Amino acid sequence: MSTIRRVSLFLVLAALIGAAGSGGAPAQTKGKTAPKAAEPKVEAPTSTALTFEVYKDAGGKFRWRLKDAQDTNLGMASKGYEAKADCLKVIDAIKGGAGKAKTDDQAK
């Protein structure tokens, strides 16, 4: 065998052995899992700290938004109402039914 062939064969074998012995990537390491990020703690606001705001949107329709004591928006109307009375009826329905509402956890 010529010297060039021997050197070439040696380099190819060295490359194959080096690639095979380099170990797995960190994501493939068995038995070790990355620590989970802590979920942000959300404190439930007290009922006395909540406020329904009724306002007119840019289109002139009545809407509501629910805010806590820190002025954080907790919820809002998904549509506008022609009459303010209709908007207030929805707020009353939420007030009356929220305490009895069930939680449908679809993120299981």
N, C-alpha and C. Protein backbone atom coordinates (compact mmCIF):
# COMPACT_ATOMS: atom_id res chain seq x y z
N MET A 1 0.84 -1.17 0.00
CA MET A 1 0.00 0.00 0.00
C MET A 1 0.89 1.24 0.00
N SER A 2 0.46 2.20 -0.70
CA SER A 2 1.28 3.41 -0.76
C SER A 2 1.13 4.22 0.51
N THR A 3 2.04 5.08 0.76
CA THR A 3 2.05 5.91 1.95
C THR A 3 0.85 6.84 1.98
N ILE A 4 0.46 7.34 0.84
CA ILE A 4 -0.70 8.25 0.77
C ILE A 4 -1.97 7.52 1.17
N ARG A 5 -2.12 6.29 0.69
CA ARG A 5 -3.31 5.51 1.05
C ARG A 5 -3.32 5.23 2.55
N ARG A 6 -2.19 4.88 3.10
CA ARG A 6 -2.11 4.57 4.53
C ARG A 6 -2.48 5.81 5.37
N VAL A 7 -1.93 6.93 4.98
CA VAL A 7 -2.22 8.17 5.71
C VAL A 7 -3.71 8.51 5.59
N SER A 8 -4.26 8.37 4.38
CA SER A 8 -5.68 8.66 4.15
C SER A 8 -6.55 7.73 4.97
N LEU A 9 -6.23 6.45 4.97
CA LEU A 9 -7.00 5.47 5.74
C LEU A 9 -6.92 5.80 7.23
N PHE A 10 -5.73 6.15 7.70
CA PHE A 10 -5.55 6.51 9.11
C PHE A 10 -6.40 7.73 9.48
N LEU A 11 -6.43 8.75 8.61
CA LEU A 11 -7.21 9.96 8.88
C LEU A 11 -8.70 9.68 8.91
N VAL A 12 -9.16 8.84 7.98
CA VAL A 12 -10.59 8.49 7.95
C VAL A 12 -10.97 7.72 9.21
N LEU A 13 -10.15 6.74 9.60
CA LEU A 13 -10.43 5.98 10.82
C LEU A 13 -10.38 6.87 12.06
N ALA A 14 -9.43 7.79 12.12
CA ALA A 14 -9.33 8.69 13.26
C ALA A 14 -10.56 9.59 13.35
N ALA A 15 -11.04 10.06 12.21
CA ALA A 15 -12.24 10.90 12.20
C ALA A 15 -13.46 10.12 12.67
N LEU A 16 -13.61 8.87 12.22
CA LEU A 16 -14.75 8.04 12.63
C LEU A 16 -14.69 7.73 14.13
N ILE A 17 -13.53 7.39 14.63
CA ILE A 17 -13.40 7.10 16.05
C ILE A 17 -13.64 8.35 16.88
N GLY A 18 -13.16 9.48 16.43
CA GLY A 18 -13.37 10.73 17.14
C GLY A 18 -14.84 11.12 17.20
N ALA A 19 -15.55 10.92 16.09
CA ALA A 19 -16.98 11.25 16.05
C ALA A 19 -17.79 10.31 16.93
N ALA A 20 -17.43 9.04 16.95
CA ALA A 20 -18.17 8.06 17.74
C ALA A 20 -17.92 8.24 19.23
N GLY A 21 -16.77 8.71 19.61
CA GLY A 21 -16.43 8.82 21.02
C GLY A 21 -16.66 10.19 21.61
N SER A 22 -17.29 11.08 20.88
CA SER A 22 -17.45 12.45 21.37
C SER A 22 -18.54 12.58 22.43
N GLY A 23 -19.36 11.57 22.64
CA GLY A 23 -20.41 11.62 23.67
C GLY A 23 -21.68 12.24 23.12
N GLY A 24 -22.75 12.15 23.92
CA GLY A 24 -24.04 12.68 23.50
C GLY A 24 -24.16 14.15 23.79
N ALA A 25 -25.09 14.75 23.13
CA ALA A 25 -25.39 16.15 23.37
C ALA A 25 -26.06 16.27 24.73
N PRO A 26 -26.00 17.43 25.38
CA PRO A 26 -26.61 17.58 26.71
C PRO A 26 -28.08 17.20 26.74
N ALA A 27 -28.79 17.42 25.66
CA ALA A 27 -30.21 17.09 25.63
C ALA A 27 -30.43 15.59 25.61
N GLN A 28 -29.38 14.84 25.26
CA GLN A 28 -29.52 13.39 25.18
C GLN A 28 -28.96 12.68 26.41
N THR A 29 -28.48 13.40 27.38
CA THR A 29 -27.93 12.81 28.58
C THR A 29 -29.05 12.19 29.38
N LYS A 30 -28.89 10.91 29.69
CA LYS A 30 -29.94 10.20 30.42
C LYS A 30 -29.87 10.51 31.90
N GLY A 31 -31.03 10.55 32.53
CA GLY A 31 -31.10 10.70 33.96
C GLY A 31 -31.02 12.14 34.46
N LYS A 32 -30.70 13.06 33.62
CA LYS A 32 -30.61 14.45 34.05
C LYS A 32 -31.65 15.26 33.31
N THR A 33 -32.42 16.01 34.05
CA THR A 33 -33.42 16.88 33.43
C THR A 33 -33.11 18.31 33.82
N ALA A 34 -33.43 19.19 32.93
CA ALA A 34 -33.23 20.61 33.20
C ALA A 34 -34.23 21.05 34.25
N PRO A 35 -33.82 21.92 35.15
CA PRO A 35 -34.77 22.39 36.17
C PRO A 35 -35.90 23.18 35.52
N LYS A 36 -37.10 22.96 36.03
CA LYS A 36 -38.26 23.66 35.48
C LYS A 36 -38.30 25.08 36.03
N ALA A 37 -38.69 25.97 35.15
CA ALA A 37 -38.83 27.36 35.58
C ALA A 37 -40.03 27.48 36.50
N ALA A 38 -39.87 28.22 37.55
CA ALA A 38 -40.97 28.41 38.51
C ALA A 38 -42.07 29.22 37.85
N GLU A 39 -43.31 28.76 38.03
CA GLU A 39 -44.44 29.49 37.47
C GLU A 39 -44.66 30.76 38.30
N PRO A 40 -45.00 31.85 37.64
CA PRO A 40 -45.21 33.08 38.40
C PRO A 40 -46.38 32.91 39.37
N LYS A 41 -46.20 33.43 40.56
CA LYS A 41 -47.25 33.33 41.57
C LYS A 41 -48.29 34.41 41.32
N VAL A 42 -49.51 33.97 41.15
CA VAL A 42 -50.61 34.91 40.91
C VAL A 42 -51.51 34.88 42.13
N GLU A 43 -51.63 36.02 42.76
CA GLU A 43 -52.48 36.10 43.93
C GLU A 43 -53.90 36.46 43.51
N ALA A 44 -54.85 35.76 44.10
CA ALA A 44 -56.25 36.03 43.80
C ALA A 44 -56.66 37.33 44.47
N PRO A 45 -57.21 38.25 43.72
CA PRO A 45 -57.63 39.51 44.33
C PRO A 45 -58.85 39.29 45.21
N THR A 46 -58.97 40.10 46.23
CA THR A 46 -60.16 40.00 47.08
C THR A 46 -61.32 40.68 46.36
N SER A 47 -62.52 40.22 46.65
CA SER A 47 -63.69 40.75 45.94
C SER A 47 -63.90 42.23 46.18
N THR A 48 -63.47 42.76 47.33
CA THR A 48 -63.66 44.18 47.60
C THR A 48 -62.68 45.05 46.81
N ALA A 49 -61.62 44.45 46.30
CA ALA A 49 -60.60 45.21 45.59
C ALA A 49 -60.88 45.26 44.08
N LEU A 50 -61.96 44.66 43.64
CA LEU A 50 -62.26 44.62 42.20
C LEU A 50 -63.22 45.73 41.81
N THR A 51 -63.03 46.24 40.59
CA THR A 51 -63.89 47.30 40.08
C THR A 51 -64.25 47.02 38.64
N PHE A 52 -65.55 47.11 38.33
CA PHE A 52 -65.99 47.08 36.94
C PHE A 52 -65.99 48.51 36.42
N GLU A 53 -65.31 48.75 35.35
CA GLU A 53 -65.33 50.06 34.69
C GLU A 53 -66.20 49.96 33.45
N VAL A 54 -67.11 50.88 33.29
CA VAL A 54 -67.95 50.95 32.08
C VAL A 54 -67.45 52.14 31.28
N TYR A 55 -67.23 51.92 29.99
CA TYR A 55 -66.71 53.00 29.14
C TYR A 55 -67.25 52.84 27.73
N LYS A 56 -67.06 53.88 26.92
CA LYS A 56 -67.43 53.82 25.50
C LYS A 56 -66.16 53.59 24.69
N ASP A 57 -66.24 52.65 23.74
CA ASP A 57 -65.10 52.39 22.88
C ASP A 57 -65.04 53.40 21.74
N ALA A 58 -64.07 53.24 20.86
CA ALA A 58 -63.89 54.18 19.75
C ALA A 58 -65.09 54.21 18.80
N GLY A 59 -65.85 53.12 18.77
CA GLY A 59 -67.03 53.04 17.91
C GLY A 59 -68.30 53.55 18.58
N GLY A 60 -68.18 54.04 19.82
CA GLY A 60 -69.34 54.58 20.52
C GLY A 60 -70.17 53.54 21.25
N LYS A 61 -69.68 52.29 21.35
CA LYS A 61 -70.41 51.23 22.04
C LYS A 61 -69.92 51.12 23.48
N PHE A 62 -70.82 50.64 24.34
CA PHE A 62 -70.49 50.49 25.76
C PHE A 62 -69.76 49.16 25.98
N ARG A 63 -68.72 49.22 26.78
CA ARG A 63 -67.95 48.04 27.15
C ARG A 63 -67.63 48.11 28.63
N TRP A 64 -67.20 46.98 29.18
CA TRP A 64 -66.76 46.92 30.57
C TRP A 64 -65.39 46.28 30.64
N ARG A 65 -64.67 46.60 31.70
CA ARG A 65 -63.42 45.91 32.02
C ARG A 65 -63.38 45.76 33.54
N LEU A 66 -62.79 44.67 33.98
CA LEU A 66 -62.68 44.37 35.40
C LEU A 66 -61.23 44.58 35.82
N LYS A 67 -61.02 45.43 36.85
CA LYS A 67 -59.67 45.75 37.31
C LYS A 67 -59.53 45.46 38.80
N ASP A 68 -58.30 45.16 39.21
CA ASP A 68 -58.04 44.96 40.63
C ASP A 68 -57.53 46.25 41.26
N ALA A 69 -57.16 46.18 42.54
CA ALA A 69 -56.74 47.38 43.27
C ALA A 69 -55.46 47.99 42.71
N GLN A 70 -54.64 47.18 42.01
CA GLN A 70 -53.41 47.70 41.41
C GLN A 70 -53.64 48.17 39.97
N ASP A 71 -54.89 48.28 39.58
CA ASP A 71 -55.28 48.75 38.25
C ASP A 71 -54.89 47.76 37.14
N THR A 72 -54.74 46.48 37.50
CA THR A 72 -54.45 45.45 36.51
C THR A 72 -55.76 45.01 35.86
N ASN A 73 -55.76 44.94 34.54
CA ASN A 73 -56.95 44.51 33.80
C ASN A 73 -57.10 43.00 33.93
N LEU A 74 -58.17 42.54 34.57
CA LEU A 74 -58.41 41.11 34.77
C LEU A 74 -59.34 40.52 33.72
N GLY A 75 -60.15 41.34 33.11
CA GLY A 75 -61.09 40.86 32.10
C GLY A 75 -61.75 42.03 31.42
N MET A 76 -62.35 41.75 30.27
CA MET A 76 -63.02 42.82 29.54
C MET A 76 -64.11 42.24 28.65
N ALA A 77 -65.01 43.11 28.23
CA ALA A 77 -66.10 42.70 27.36
C ALA A 77 -65.54 42.27 26.00
N SER A 78 -66.05 41.17 25.49
CA SER A 78 -65.58 40.70 24.19
C SER A 78 -66.31 41.40 23.04
N LYS A 79 -67.37 42.12 23.39
CA LYS A 79 -68.11 42.88 22.37
C LYS A 79 -68.64 44.17 22.98
N GLY A 80 -69.00 45.09 22.13
CA GLY A 80 -69.59 46.34 22.58
C GLY A 80 -71.12 46.25 22.59
N TYR A 81 -71.74 47.02 23.45
CA TYR A 81 -73.20 47.03 23.58
C TYR A 81 -73.74 48.39 23.15
N GLU A 82 -74.84 48.36 22.41
CA GLU A 82 -75.46 49.61 21.95
C GLU A 82 -75.99 50.42 23.12
N ALA A 83 -76.61 49.71 24.08
CA ALA A 83 -77.22 50.40 25.23
C ALA A 83 -76.39 50.15 26.49
N LYS A 84 -76.22 51.18 27.28
CA LYS A 84 -75.48 51.07 28.53
C LYS A 84 -76.17 50.06 29.46
N ALA A 85 -77.49 50.03 29.43
CA ALA A 85 -78.25 49.10 30.28
C ALA A 85 -77.89 47.65 29.98
N ASP A 86 -77.66 47.32 28.70
CA ASP A 86 -77.27 45.96 28.33
C ASP A 86 -75.90 45.61 28.89
N CYS A 87 -75.00 46.56 28.86
CA CYS A 87 -73.66 46.37 29.41
C CYS A 87 -73.74 46.13 30.93
N LEU A 88 -74.57 46.92 31.60
CA LEU A 88 -74.73 46.77 33.05
C LEU A 88 -75.39 45.45 33.41
N LYS A 89 -76.30 44.94 32.56
CA LYS A 89 -76.92 43.63 32.80
C LYS A 89 -75.87 42.52 32.76
N VAL A 90 -74.93 42.62 31.85
CA VAL A 90 -73.87 41.61 31.76
C VAL A 90 -73.00 41.66 33.03
N ILE A 91 -72.70 42.85 33.49
CA ILE A 91 -71.92 42.99 34.73
C ILE A 91 -72.66 42.35 35.90
N ASP A 92 -73.95 42.60 36.00
CA ASP A 92 -74.75 42.00 37.07
C ASP A 92 -74.78 40.48 36.97
N ALA A 93 -74.86 39.96 35.75
CA ALA A 93 -74.85 38.50 35.55
C ALA A 93 -73.51 37.91 35.99
N ILE A 94 -72.43 38.60 35.71
CA ILE A 94 -71.11 38.13 36.13
C ILE A 94 -71.01 38.15 37.65
N LYS A 95 -71.45 39.24 38.26
CA LYS A 95 -71.42 39.35 39.72
C LYS A 95 -72.24 38.23 40.38
N GLY A 96 -73.39 37.92 39.81
CA GLY A 96 -74.27 36.90 40.39
C GLY A 96 -73.78 35.48 40.18
N GLY A 97 -73.10 35.23 39.08
CA GLY A 97 -72.72 33.86 38.75
C GLY A 97 -71.27 33.50 38.98
N ALA A 98 -70.41 34.47 39.18
CA ALA A 98 -68.97 34.18 39.27
C ALA A 98 -68.63 33.30 40.47
N GLY A 99 -69.31 33.50 41.58
CA GLY A 99 -69.02 32.70 42.76
C GLY A 99 -69.40 31.24 42.60
N LYS A 100 -70.31 30.94 41.70
CA LYS A 100 -70.76 29.56 41.47
C LYS A 100 -70.11 28.97 40.23
N ALA A 101 -69.29 29.72 39.55
CA ALA A 101 -68.69 29.25 38.29
C ALA A 101 -67.74 28.09 38.55
N LYS A 102 -67.71 27.15 37.60
CA LYS A 102 -66.81 26.01 37.66
C LYS A 102 -65.57 26.34 36.82
N THR A 103 -64.49 25.65 37.09
CA THR A 103 -63.28 25.81 36.30
C THR A 103 -63.16 24.64 35.34
N ASP A 104 -63.05 24.92 34.07
CA ASP A 104 -62.86 23.91 33.03
C ASP A 104 -61.41 23.99 32.57
N ASP A 105 -60.54 23.21 33.20
CA ASP A 105 -59.11 23.24 32.91
C ASP A 105 -58.83 22.46 31.63
N GLN A 106 -58.65 23.17 30.53
CA GLN A 106 -58.39 22.53 29.24
C GLN A 106 -56.90 22.47 28.93
N ALA A 107 -56.07 22.85 29.90
CA ALA A 107 -54.62 22.84 29.70
C ALA A 107 -53.99 21.59 30.33
N LYS A 108 -54.74 20.54 30.46
CA LYS A 108 -54.24 19.31 31.10
C LYS A 108 -53.22 18.63 30.23
